[in-house]
Amino acid sequence: MSKHTPGPWKIDAPTPEGHRPIHESTEAGYLIATVWADDSGKQEADARLIAAAPRLLEACRTLIRICSKRDGTLYEYEDWIQAFIEDGSSITECVRLAQAAIAEAKAQ
């Protein structure tokens, strides 16, 4: 699997045709995707969701990291408290990442 373009990503102003380009948030502004204009009214929400993808991926990776044993297997529910103590992480860290990513995806 090839590496994706790192975030954050930004949504550009609509083109004259009504499309919403999504670019890497750098000076070069590498094009990530374009959400095509349609009649469903979902274009803005789709663009926000795509732009939030790097943060959503980070939240998922963090959740897996703090819920995994050193050998890569997942802790069972009963072992989670011990997992957080050993790793020095907390579920709060992951929840905050997820909340921020979801808020970015839902921004008005």
C-alpha atoms as a PDB file:
ATOM      1  CA  MET A   1       0.000   0.000   0.000  1.00  0.00           C
ATOM      2  CA  SER A   2       1.368   3.406  -0.917  1.00  0.00           C
ATOM      3  CA  LYS A   3       1.477   6.216   1.589  1.00  0.00           C
ATOM      4  CA  HIS A   4      -1.247   8.826   1.473  1.00  0.00           C
ATOM      5  CA  THR A   5      -0.665  12.548   1.344  1.00  0.00           C
ATOM      6  CA  PRO A   6      -0.247  13.685   4.955  1.00  0.00           C
ATOM      7  CA  GLY A   7      -2.799  15.997   6.508  1.00  0.00           C
ATOM      8  CA  PRO A   8      -4.102  18.406   7.260  1.00  0.00           C
ATOM      9  CA  TRP A   9      -6.145  18.825   4.120  1.00  0.00           C
ATOM     10  CA  LYS A  10      -8.202  21.902   3.225  1.00  0.00           C
ATOM     11  CA  ILE A  11     -11.312  22.469   1.143  1.00  0.00           C
ATOM     12  CA  ASP A  12     -10.909  25.129  -1.521  1.00  0.00           C
ATOM     13  CA  ALA A  13     -13.563  27.528  -2.731  1.00  0.00           C
ATOM     14  CA  PRO A  14     -15.955  26.114  -5.309  1.00  0.00           C
ATOM     15  CA  THR A  15     -14.820  26.195  -8.923  1.00  0.00           C
ATOM     16  CA  PRO A  16     -16.996  27.991 -11.498  1.00  0.00           C
ATOM     17  CA  GLU A  17     -18.510  24.568 -12.233  1.00  0.00           C
ATOM     18  CA  GLY A  18     -19.390  24.147  -8.555  1.00  0.00           C
ATOM     19  CA  HIS A  19     -16.817  21.443  -7.729  1.00  0.00           C
ATOM     20  CA  ARG A  20     -14.997  21.495  -4.356  1.00  0.00           C
ATOM     21  CA  PRO A  21     -11.250  20.751  -4.674  1.00  0.00           C
ATOM     22  CA  ILE A  22      -9.505  19.368  -1.584  1.00  0.00           C
ATOM     23  CA  HIS A  23      -5.789  20.138  -1.248  1.00  0.00           C
ATOM     24  CA  GLU A  24      -2.927  19.368   1.060  1.00  0.00           C
ATOM     25  CA  SER A  25      -2.480  22.304   3.453  1.00  0.00           C
ATOM     26  CA  THR A  26       0.948  23.304   2.190  1.00  0.00           C
ATOM     27  CA  GLU A  27       2.212  26.076  -0.015  1.00  0.00           C
ATOM     28  CA  ALA A  28       2.378  23.651  -2.963  1.00  0.00           C
ATOM     29  CA  GLY A  29      -1.246  22.650  -2.333  1.00  0.00           C
ATOM     30  CA  TYR A  30      -1.145  19.166  -3.880  1.00  0.00           C
ATOM     31  CA  LEU A  31      -4.658  18.207  -5.093  1.00  0.00           C
ATOM     32  CA  ILE A  32      -6.100  15.340  -3.011  1.00  0.00           C
ATOM     33  CA  ALA A  33      -9.601  15.004  -4.422  1.00  0.00           C
ATOM     34  CA  THR A  34     -12.451  16.881  -6.013  1.00  0.00           C
ATOM     35  CA  VAL A  35     -16.008  16.555  -4.793  1.00  0.00           C
ATOM     36  CA  TRP A  36     -18.255  16.952  -7.797  1.00  0.00           C
ATOM     37  CA  ALA A  37     -21.274  19.200  -7.729  1.00  0.00           C
ATOM     38  CA  ASP A  38     -24.562  17.347  -7.568  1.00  0.00           C
ATOM     39  CA  ASP A  39     -28.194  17.938  -6.756  1.00  0.00           C
ATOM     40  CA  SER A  40     -28.230  15.948  -3.504  1.00  0.00           C
ATOM     41  CA  GLY A  41     -26.969  18.789  -1.318  1.00  0.00           C
ATOM     42  CA  LYS A  42     -24.313  16.492   0.174  1.00  0.00           C
ATOM     43  CA  GLN A  43     -21.309  18.066  -1.541  1.00  0.00           C
ATOM     44  CA  GLU A  44     -20.214  20.175   1.457  1.00  0.00           C
ATOM     45  CA  ALA A  45     -20.589  17.315   3.943  1.00  0.00           C
ATOM     46  CA  ASP A  46     -18.683  14.951   1.628  1.00  0.00           C
ATOM     47  CA  ALA A  47     -15.875  17.485   1.208  1.00  0.00           C
ATOM     48  CA  ARG A  48     -15.584  17.971   4.992  1.00  0.00           C
ATOM     49  CA  LEU A  49     -15.486  14.214   5.566  1.00  0.00           C
ATOM     50  CA  ILE A  50     -12.741  13.730   2.972  1.00  0.00           C
ATOM     51  CA  ALA A  51     -10.732  16.654   4.380  1.00  0.00           C
ATOM     52  CA  ALA A  52     -10.985  15.166   7.900  1.00  0.00           C
ATOM     53  CA  ALA A  53      -9.732  11.744   6.732  1.00  0.00           C
ATOM     54  CA  PRO A  54      -6.131  12.165   8.000  1.00  0.00           C
ATOM     55  CA  ARG A  55      -7.344  13.041  11.525  1.00  0.00           C
ATOM     56  CA  LEU A  56      -9.886  10.200  11.511  1.00  0.00           C
ATOM     57  CA  LEU A  57      -7.087   7.816  10.516  1.00  0.00           C
ATOM     58  CA  GLU A  58      -4.903   9.177  13.340  1.00  0.00           C
ATOM     59  CA  ALA A  59      -7.719   8.612  15.870  1.00  0.00           C
ATOM     60  CA  CYS A  60      -8.238   5.029  14.657  1.00  0.00           C
ATOM     61  CA  ARG A  61      -4.504   4.295  14.819  1.00  0.00           C
ATOM     62  CA  THR A  62      -4.325   5.726  18.332  1.00  0.00           C
ATOM     63  CA  LEU A  63      -7.249   3.606  19.477  1.00  0.00           C
ATOM     64  CA  ILE A  64      -5.637   0.475  18.077  1.00  0.00           C
ATOM     65  CA  ARG A  65      -2.260   1.399  19.613  1.00  0.00           C
ATOM     66  CA  ILE A  66      -3.581   1.908  23.116  1.00  0.00           C
ATOM     67  CA  CYS A  67      -5.781  -1.196  22.926  1.00  0.00           C
ATOM     68  CA  SER A  68      -3.014  -3.502  21.657  1.00  0.00           C
ATOM     69  CA  LYS A  69      -0.523  -5.599  23.553  1.00  0.00           C
ATOM     70  CA  ARG A  70       3.157  -5.420  22.703  1.00  0.00           C
ATOM     71  CA  ASP A  71       2.767  -8.522  20.489  1.00  0.00           C
ATOM     72  CA  GLY A  72       0.098  -6.749  18.417  1.00  0.00           C
ATOM     73  CA  THR A  73      -2.906  -8.641  19.731  1.00  0.00           C
ATOM     74  CA  LEU A  74      -5.763  -6.638  21.180  1.00  0.00           C
ATOM     75  CA  TYR A  75      -6.448  -6.514  24.874  1.00  0.00           C
ATOM     76  CA  GLU A  76      -9.691  -8.088  25.922  1.00  0.00           C
ATOM     77  CA  TYR A  77     -12.083  -5.729  27.667  1.00  0.00           C
ATOM     78  CA  GLU A  78     -11.084  -6.954  31.145  1.00  0.00           C
ATOM     79  CA  ASP A  79      -7.403  -6.141  30.426  1.00  0.00           C
ATOM     80  CA  TRP A  80      -7.881  -2.563  29.212  1.00  0.00           C
ATOM     81  CA  ILE A  81      -7.234  -0.867  32.533  1.00  0.00           C
ATOM     82  CA  GLN A  82      -3.894  -2.652  32.799  1.00  0.00           C
ATOM     83  CA  ALA A  83      -3.113  -1.805  29.175  1.00  0.00           C
ATOM     84  CA  PHE A  84      -3.527   1.910  29.800  1.00  0.00           C
ATOM     85  CA  ILE A  85      -1.371   1.761  32.924  1.00  0.00           C
ATOM     86  CA  GLU A  86       1.441  -0.072  31.074  1.00  0.00           C
ATOM     87  CA  ASP A  87       1.344   2.173  28.004  1.00  0.00           C
ATOM     88  CA  GLY A  88       0.921   5.443  29.884  1.00  0.00           C
ATOM     89  CA  SER A  89      -1.977   6.349  27.599  1.00  0.00           C
ATOM     90  CA  SER A  90      -5.597   6.790  28.346  1.00  0.00           C
ATOM     91  CA  ILE A  91      -8.757   6.286  26.419  1.00  0.00           C
ATOM     92  CA  THR A  92      -9.293  10.029  26.889  1.00  0.00           C
ATOM     93  CA  GLU A  93      -6.417  10.697  24.470  1.00  0.00           C
ATOM     94  CA  CYS A  94      -8.104   8.663  21.777  1.00  0.00           C
ATOM     95  CA  VAL A  95     -11.562  10.056  22.478  1.00  0.00           C
ATOM     96  CA  ARG A  96     -10.231  13.624  22.159  1.00  0.00           C
ATOM     97  CA  LEU A  97      -8.598  12.806  18.815  1.00  0.00           C
ATOM     98  CA  ALA A  98     -11.817  11.227  17.588  1.00  0.00           C
ATOM     99  CA  GLN A  99     -13.918  14.158  18.794  1.00  0.00           C
ATOM    100  CA  ALA A 100     -11.650  16.657  17.031  1.00  0.00           C
ATOM    101  CA  ALA A 101     -11.713  14.662  13.797  1.00  0.00           C
ATOM    102  CA  ILE A 102     -15.486  14.290  13.873  1.00  0.00           C
ATOM    103  CA  ALA A 103     -15.912  17.998  14.623  1.00  0.00           C
ATOM    104  CA  GLU A 104     -13.685  18.797  11.635  1.00  0.00           C
ATOM    105  CA  ALA A 105     -15.768  16.521   9.417  1.00  0.00           C
ATOM    106  CA  LYS A 106     -19.025  18.113  10.634  1.00  0.00           C
ATOM    107  CA  ALA A 107     -17.851  21.776  10.641  1.00  0.00           C
ATOM    108  CA  GLN A 108     -20.417  24.147   9.299  1.00  0.00           C
END
